[in-house]
Amino acid sequence: MNWGHSIRQGHRWLSIVFTLTVIANFAARAMDRAEPSPWITYSPLPPLFLMLVSGLYLFALPYTAKRRSRPRA
């Protein structure tokens, strides 16, 4: 199983979920003049945190692959 491919695919789906939660957040603020409930306000944070973790992994992946493919002396 290729972990890089699975994490990349998960990162893409997380970006879609994050975008939808941000749009829902703005829609809730536009519809209601009062402050929306906290679960709507903070709903983008879990996918954003998971995107941070997966994005850092994907960022480091080429550097670790170079290190692993280097021949030993």
PDB file of N, CA and C in Angstrom:
ATOM      1  N   MET A   1       0.842  -1.185   0.000  1.00  0.00           N
ATOM      2  CA  MET A   1       0.000   0.000   0.000  1.00  0.00           C
ATOM      3  C   MET A   1       0.883   1.244   0.000  1.00  0.00           C
ATOM      4  N   ASN A   2       0.522   2.203  -0.820  1.00  0.00           N
ATOM      5  CA  ASN A   2       1.297   3.421  -0.944  1.00  0.00           C
ATOM      6  C   ASN A   2       0.719   4.490  -0.008  1.00  0.00           C
ATOM      7  N   TRP A   3       1.430   4.746   1.086  1.00  0.00           N
ATOM      8  CA  TRP A   3       0.931   5.709   2.078  1.00  0.00           C
ATOM      9  C   TRP A   3       0.897   7.120   1.527  1.00  0.00           C
ATOM     10  N   GLY A   4       1.873   7.477   0.705  1.00  0.00           N
ATOM     11  CA  GLY A   4       1.909   8.828   0.144  1.00  0.00           C
ATOM     12  C   GLY A   4       0.673   9.129  -0.685  1.00  0.00           C
ATOM     13  N   HIS A   5       0.252   8.156  -1.484  1.00  0.00           N
ATOM     14  CA  HIS A   5      -0.944   8.349  -2.310  1.00  0.00           C
ATOM     15  C   HIS A   5      -2.196   8.475  -1.452  1.00  0.00           C
ATOM     16  N   SER A   6      -2.308   7.633  -0.433  1.00  0.00           N
ATOM     17  CA  SER A   6      -3.491   7.671   0.441  1.00  0.00           C
ATOM     18  C   SER A   6      -3.569   8.982   1.214  1.00  0.00           C
ATOM     19  N   ILE A   7      -2.445   9.437   1.716  1.00  0.00           N
ATOM     20  CA  ILE A   7      -2.449  10.695   2.473  1.00  0.00           C
ATOM     21  C   ILE A   7      -2.723  11.872   1.545  1.00  0.00           C
ATOM     22  N   ARG A   8      -2.188  11.822   0.328  1.00  0.00           N
ATOM     23  CA  ARG A   8      -2.456  12.891  -0.643  1.00  0.00           C
ATOM     24  C   ARG A   8      -3.941  12.950  -0.987  1.00  0.00           C
ATOM     25  N   GLN A   9      -4.546  11.787  -1.184  1.00  0.00           N
ATOM     26  CA  GLN A   9      -5.985  11.737  -1.479  1.00  0.00           C
ATOM     27  C   GLN A   9      -6.803  12.241  -0.288  1.00  0.00           C
ATOM     28  N   GLY A  10      -6.423  11.830   0.920  1.00  0.00           N
ATOM     29  CA  GLY A  10      -7.108  12.316   2.111  1.00  0.00           C
ATOM     30  C   GLY A  10      -6.955  13.822   2.284  1.00  0.00           C
ATOM     31  N   HIS A  11      -5.781  14.335   1.950  1.00  0.00           N
ATOM     32  CA  HIS A  11      -5.535  15.778   2.039  1.00  0.00           C
ATOM     33  C   HIS A  11      -6.453  16.537   1.077  1.00  0.00           C
ATOM     34  N   ARG A  12      -6.643  15.987  -0.104  1.00  0.00           N
ATOM     35  CA  ARG A  12      -7.549  16.620  -1.081  1.00  0.00           C
ATOM     36  C   ARG A  12      -8.984  16.642  -0.576  1.00  0.00           C
ATOM     37  N   TRP A  13      -9.444  15.515  -0.013  1.00  0.00           N
ATOM     38  CA  TRP A  13     -10.817  15.467   0.499  1.00  0.00           C
ATOM     39  C   TRP A  13     -10.976  16.381   1.709  1.00  0.00           C
ATOM     40  N   LEU A  14      -9.950  16.457   2.539  1.00  0.00           N
ATOM     41  CA  LEU A  14     -10.008  17.368   3.684  1.00  0.00           C
ATOM     42  C   LEU A  14     -10.103  18.822   3.231  1.00  0.00           C
ATOM     43  N   SER A  15      -9.440  19.155   2.136  1.00  0.00           N
ATOM     44  CA  SER A  15      -9.530  20.530   1.637  1.00  0.00           C
ATOM     45  C   SER A  15     -10.946  20.845   1.169  1.00  0.00           C
ATOM     46  N   ILE A  16     -11.634  19.867   0.602  1.00  0.00           N
ATOM     47  CA  ILE A  16     -13.023  20.075   0.194  1.00  0.00           C
ATOM     48  C   ILE A  16     -13.908  20.270   1.423  1.00  0.00           C
ATOM     49  N   VAL A  17     -13.714  19.437   2.441  1.00  0.00           N
ATOM     50  CA  VAL A  17     -14.497  19.562   3.681  1.00  0.00           C
ATOM     51  C   VAL A  17     -14.222  20.906   4.342  1.00  0.00           C
ATOM     52  N   PHE A  18     -12.956  21.315   4.380  1.00  0.00           N
ATOM     53  CA  PHE A  18     -12.600  22.599   4.972  1.00  0.00           C
ATOM     54  C   PHE A  18     -13.273  23.755   4.223  1.00  0.00           C
ATOM     55  N   THR A  19     -13.235  23.708   2.897  1.00  0.00           N
ATOM     56  CA  THR A  19     -13.860  24.766   2.102  1.00  0.00           C
ATOM     57  C   THR A  19     -15.360  24.835   2.359  1.00  0.00           C
ATOM     58  N   LEU A  20     -16.009  23.689   2.443  1.00  0.00           N
ATOM     59  CA  LEU A  20     -17.454  23.681   2.707  1.00  0.00           C
ATOM     60  C   LEU A  20     -17.787  24.220   4.094  1.00  0.00           C
ATOM     61  N   THR A  21     -16.960  23.906   5.095  1.00  0.00           N
ATOM     62  CA  THR A  21     -17.235  24.433   6.442  1.00  0.00           C
ATOM     63  C   THR A  21     -17.014  25.942   6.501  1.00  0.00           C
ATOM     64  N   VAL A  22     -16.036  26.441   5.758  1.00  0.00           N
ATOM     65  CA  VAL A  22     -15.822  27.896   5.729  1.00  0.00           C
ATOM     66  C   VAL A  22     -16.988  28.584   5.035  1.00  0.00           C
ATOM     67  N   ILE A  23     -17.467  28.006   3.942  1.00  0.00           N
ATOM     68  CA  ILE A  23     -18.626  28.579   3.241  1.00  0.00           C
ATOM     69  C   ILE A  23     -19.850  28.560   4.153  1.00  0.00           C
ATOM     70  N   ALA A  24     -20.056  27.455   4.878  1.00  0.00           N
ATOM     71  CA  ALA A  24     -21.181  27.382   5.810  1.00  0.00           C
ATOM     72  C   ALA A  24     -21.041  28.417   6.921  1.00  0.00           C
ATOM     73  N   ASN A  25     -19.830  28.649   7.352  1.00  0.00           N
ATOM     74  CA  ASN A  25     -19.577  29.652   8.388  1.00  0.00           C
ATOM     75  C   ASN A  25     -19.966  31.046   7.895  1.00  0.00           C
ATOM     76  N   PHE A  26     -19.533  31.391   6.693  1.00  0.00           N
ATOM     77  CA  PHE A  26     -19.889  32.699   6.140  1.00  0.00           C
ATOM     78  C   PHE A  26     -21.387  32.813   5.881  1.00  0.00           C
ATOM     79  N   ALA A  27     -22.012  31.736   5.429  1.00  0.00           N
ATOM     80  CA  ALA A  27     -23.456  31.761   5.187  1.00  0.00           C
ATOM     81  C   ALA A  27     -24.224  31.944   6.491  1.00  0.00           C
ATOM     82  N   ALA A  28     -23.772  31.290   7.553  1.00  0.00           N
ATOM     83  CA  ALA A  28     -24.441  31.436   8.845  1.00  0.00           C
ATOM     84  C   ALA A  28     -24.296  32.857   9.368  1.00  0.00           C
ATOM     85  N   ARG A  29     -23.153  33.460   9.150  1.00  0.00           N
ATOM     86  CA  ARG A  29     -22.951  34.843   9.588  1.00  0.00           C
ATOM     87  C   ARG A  29     -23.769  35.825   8.753  1.00  0.00           C
ATOM     88  N   ALA A  30     -23.955  35.534   7.465  1.00  0.00           N
ATOM     89  CA  ALA A  30     -24.714  36.427   6.595  1.00  0.00           C
ATOM     90  C   ALA A  30     -26.215  36.337   6.866  1.00  0.00           C
ATOM     91  N   MET A  31     -26.701  35.154   7.215  1.00  0.00           N
ATOM     92  CA  MET A  31     -28.137  34.970   7.426  1.00  0.00           C
ATOM     93  C   MET A  31     -28.601  35.532   8.763  1.00  0.00           C
ATOM     94  N   ASP A  32     -27.768  35.399   9.756  1.00  0.00           N
ATOM     95  CA  ASP A  32     -28.161  35.793  11.103  1.00  0.00           C
ATOM     96  C   ASP A  32     -27.271  36.943  11.558  1.00  0.00           C
ATOM     97  N   ARG A  33     -27.892  37.994  12.040  1.00  0.00           N
ATOM     98  CA  ARG A  33     -27.114  39.152  12.495  1.00  0.00           C
ATOM     99  C   ARG A  33     -26.450  38.904  13.842  1.00  0.00           C
ATOM    100  N   ALA A  34     -26.968  37.971  14.605  1.00  0.00           N
ATOM    101  CA  ALA A  34     -26.357  37.641  15.895  1.00  0.00           C
ATOM    102  C   ALA A  34     -25.175  36.700  15.660  1.00  0.00           C
ATOM    103  N   GLU A  35     -24.397  36.528  16.686  1.00  0.00           N
ATOM    104  CA  GLU A  35     -23.240  35.624  16.610  1.00  0.00           C
ATOM    105  C   GLU A  35     -23.735  34.181  16.430  1.00  0.00           C
ATOM    106  N   PRO A  36     -23.223  33.446  15.417  1.00  0.00           N
ATOM    107  CA  PRO A  36     -23.662  32.055  15.243  1.00  0.00           C
ATOM    108  C   PRO A  36     -23.140  31.176  16.378  1.00  0.00           C
ATOM    109  N   SER A  37     -23.701  30.005  16.486  1.00  0.00           N
ATOM    110  CA  SER A  37     -23.313  29.113  17.575  1.00  0.00           C
ATOM    111  C   SER A  37     -21.842  28.701  17.422  1.00  0.00           C
ATOM    112  N   PRO A  38     -21.208  28.374  18.541  1.00  0.00           N
ATOM    113  CA  PRO A  38     -19.774  28.046  18.489  1.00  0.00           C
ATOM    114  C   PRO A  38     -19.439  26.843  17.616  1.00  0.00           C
ATOM    115  N   TRP A  39     -20.328  25.867  17.501  1.00  0.00           N
ATOM    116  CA  TRP A  39     -19.979  24.706  16.685  1.00  0.00           C
ATOM    117  C   TRP A  39     -19.882  25.079  15.213  1.00  0.00           C
ATOM    118  N   ILE A  40     -20.627  26.088  14.773  1.00  0.00           N
ATOM    119  CA  ILE A  40     -20.489  26.565  13.392  1.00  0.00           C
ATOM    120  C   ILE A  40     -19.212  27.383  13.250  1.00  0.00           C
ATOM    121  N   THR A  41     -18.923  28.192  14.244  1.00  0.00           N
ATOM    122  CA  THR A  41     -17.739  29.040  14.189  1.00  0.00           C
ATOM    123  C   THR A  41     -16.456  28.220  14.175  1.00  0.00           C
ATOM    124  N   TYR A  42     -16.405  27.180  14.994  1.00  0.00           N
ATOM    125  CA  TYR A  42     -15.178  26.400  15.121  1.00  0.00           C
ATOM    126  C   TYR A  42     -15.161  25.142  14.255  1.00  0.00           C
ATOM    127  N   SER A  43     -16.158  24.931  13.430  1.00  0.00           N
ATOM    128  CA  SER A  43     -16.202  23.724  12.598  1.00  0.00           C
ATOM    129  C   SER A  43     -15.062  23.629  11.576  1.00  0.00           C
ATOM    130  N   PRO A  44     -14.487  24.725  11.062  1.00  0.00           N
ATOM    131  CA  PRO A  44     -13.358  24.561  10.135  1.00  0.00           C
ATOM    132  C   PRO A  44     -12.056  24.116  10.800  1.00  0.00           C
ATOM    133  N   LEU A  45     -11.959  24.184  12.112  1.00  0.00           N
ATOM    134  CA  LEU A  45     -10.685  23.898  12.760  1.00  0.00           C
ATOM    135  C   LEU A  45     -10.247  22.434  12.712  1.00  0.00           C
ATOM    136  N   PRO A  46     -11.112  21.435  12.952  1.00  0.00           N
ATOM    137  CA  PRO A  46     -10.622  20.045  12.856  1.00  0.00           C
ATOM    138  C   PRO A  46     -10.078  19.665  11.476  1.00  0.00           C
ATOM    139  N   PRO A  47     -10.784  19.979  10.366  1.00  0.00           N
ATOM    140  CA  PRO A  47     -10.165  19.642   9.082  1.00  0.00           C
ATOM    141  C   PRO A  47      -8.898  20.452   8.811  1.00  0.00           C
ATOM    142  N   LEU A  48      -8.844  21.679   9.324  1.00  0.00           N
ATOM    143  CA  LEU A  48      -7.643  22.481   9.133  1.00  0.00           C
ATOM    144  C   LEU A  48      -6.450  21.873   9.864  1.00  0.00           C
ATOM    145  N   PHE A  49      -6.668  21.369  11.070  1.00  0.00           N
ATOM    146  CA  PHE A  49      -5.589  20.725  11.815  1.00  0.00           C
ATOM    147  C   PHE A  49      -5.124  19.457  11.107  1.00  0.00           C
ATOM    148  N   LEU A  50      -6.072  18.649  10.617  1.00  0.00           N
ATOM    149  CA  LEU A  50      -5.693  17.441   9.891  1.00  0.00           C
ATOM    150  C   LEU A  50      -4.974  17.769   8.588  1.00  0.00           C
ATOM    151  N   MET A  51      -5.368  18.860   7.936  1.00  0.00           N
ATOM    152  CA  MET A  51      -4.658  19.286   6.728  1.00  0.00           C
ATOM    153  C   MET A  51      -3.244  19.758   7.059  1.00  0.00           C
ATOM    154  N   LEU A  52      -3.064  20.368   8.214  1.00  0.00           N
ATOM    155  CA  LEU A  52      -1.724  20.774   8.631  1.00  0.00           C
ATOM    156  C   LEU A  52      -0.824  19.561   8.791  1.00  0.00           C
ATOM    157  N   VAL A  53      -1.321  18.536   9.471  1.00  0.00           N
ATOM    158  CA  VAL A  53      -0.528  17.324   9.700  1.00  0.00           C
ATOM    159  C   VAL A  53      -0.211  16.626   8.377  1.00  0.00           C
ATOM    160  N   SER A  54      -1.230  16.433   7.540  1.00  0.00           N
ATOM    161  CA  SER A  54      -0.989  15.741   6.275  1.00  0.00           C
ATOM    162  C   SER A  54      -0.148  16.588   5.326  1.00  0.00           C
ATOM    163  N   GLY A  55      -0.318  17.890   5.358  1.00  0.00           N
ATOM    164  CA  GLY A  55       0.487  18.764   4.510  1.00  0.00           C
ATOM    165  C   GLY A  55       1.949  18.776   4.914  1.00  0.00           C
ATOM    166  N   LEU A  56       2.223  18.751   6.208  1.00  0.00           N
ATOM    167  CA  LEU A  56       3.612  18.675   6.659  1.00  0.00           C
ATOM    168  C   LEU A  56       4.239  17.347   6.265  1.00  0.00           C
ATOM    169  N   TYR A  57       3.476  16.277   6.344  1.00  0.00           N
ATOM    170  CA  TYR A  57       3.982  14.977   5.908  1.00  0.00           C
ATOM    171  C   TYR A  57       4.294  15.000   4.412  1.00  0.00           C
ATOM    172  N   LEU A  58       3.366  15.532   3.613  1.00  0.00           N
ATOM    173  CA  LEU A  58       3.584  15.588   2.172  1.00  0.00           C
ATOM    174  C   LEU A  58       4.741  16.513   1.819  1.00  0.00           C
ATOM    175  N   PHE A  59       4.945  17.552   2.608  1.00  0.00           N
ATOM    176  CA  PHE A  59       6.068  18.456   2.381  1.00  0.00           C
ATOM    177  C   PHE A  59       7.396  17.757   2.634  1.00  0.00           C
ATOM    178  N   ALA A  60       7.454  16.933   3.666  1.00  0.00           N
ATOM    179  CA  ALA A  60       8.702  16.262   4.038  1.00  0.00           C
ATOM    180  C   ALA A  60       8.954  15.014   3.208  1.00  0.00           C
ATOM    181  N   LEU A  61       7.963  14.505   2.516  1.00  0.00           N
ATOM    182  CA  LEU A  61       8.094  13.252   1.782  1.00  0.00           C
ATOM    183  C   LEU A  61       9.221  13.247   0.750  1.00  0.00           C
ATOM    184  N   PRO A  62       9.381  14.266  -0.085  1.00  0.00           N
ATOM    185  CA  PRO A  62      10.485  14.226  -1.056  1.00  0.00           C
ATOM    186  C   PRO A  62      11.867  14.246  -0.399  1.00  0.00           C
ATOM    187  N   TYR A  63      11.997  14.945   0.709  1.00  0.00           N
ATOM    188  CA  TYR A  63      13.296  15.019   1.380  1.00  0.00           C
ATOM    189  C   TYR A  63      13.669  13.683   2.013  1.00  0.00           C
ATOM    190  N   THR A  64      12.692  13.001   2.576  1.00  0.00           N
ATOM    191  CA  THR A  64      12.993  11.702   3.170  1.00  0.00           C
ATOM    192  C   THR A  64      13.225  10.653   2.089  1.00  0.00           C
ATOM    193  N   ALA A  65      12.581  10.783   0.928  1.00  0.00           N
ATOM    194  CA  ALA A  65      12.804   9.851  -0.169  1.00  0.00           C
ATOM    195  C   ALA A  65      14.215  10.012  -0.727  1.00  0.00           C
ATOM    196  N   LYS A  66      14.696  11.250  -0.808  1.00  0.00           N
ATOM    197  CA  LYS A  66      16.066  11.478  -1.267  1.00  0.00           C
ATOM    198  C   LYS A  66      17.063  10.852  -0.312  1.00  0.00           C
ATOM    199  N   ARG A  67      16.806  10.981   0.964  1.00  0.00           N
ATOM    200  CA  ARG A  67      17.718  10.430   1.967  1.00  0.00           C
ATOM    201  C   ARG A  67      17.738   8.903   1.906  1.00  0.00           C
ATOM    202  N   ARG A  68      16.564   8.298   1.691  1.00  0.00           N
ATOM    203  CA  ARG A  68      16.487   6.841   1.621  1.00  0.00           C
ATOM    204  C   ARG A  68      17.108   6.277   0.356  1.00  0.00           C
ATOM    205  N   SER A  69      17.041   7.016  -0.764  1.00  0.00           N
ATOM    206  CA  SER A  69      17.558   6.503  -2.023  1.00  0.00           C
ATOM    207  C   SER A  69      19.059   6.742  -2.186  1.00  0.00           C
ATOM    208  N   ARG A  70      19.666   7.520  -1.309  1.00  0.00           N
ATOM    209  CA  ARG A  70      21.096   7.797  -1.391  1.00  0.00           C
ATOM    210  C   ARG A  70      21.882   6.514  -1.078  1.00  0.00           C
ATOM    211  N   PRO A  71      22.864   6.164  -1.948  1.00  0.00           N
ATOM    212  CA  PRO A  71      23.652   4.954  -1.689  1.00  0.00           C
ATOM    213  C   PRO A  71      24.561   5.127  -0.475  1.00  0.00           C
ATOM    214  N   ARG A  72      24.737   4.059   0.259  1.00  0.00           N
ATOM    215  CA  ARG A  72      25.592   4.107   1.449  1.00  0.00           C
ATOM    216  C   ARG A  72      27.043   3.869   1.058  1.00  0.00           C
ATOM    217  N   ALA A  73      27.906   4.580   1.736  1.00  0.00           N
ATOM    218  CA  ALA A  73      29.349   4.457   1.426  1.00  0.00           C
ATOM    219  C   ALA A  73      30.010   3.379   2.255  1.00  0.00           C
TER     220      ALA A  73
END
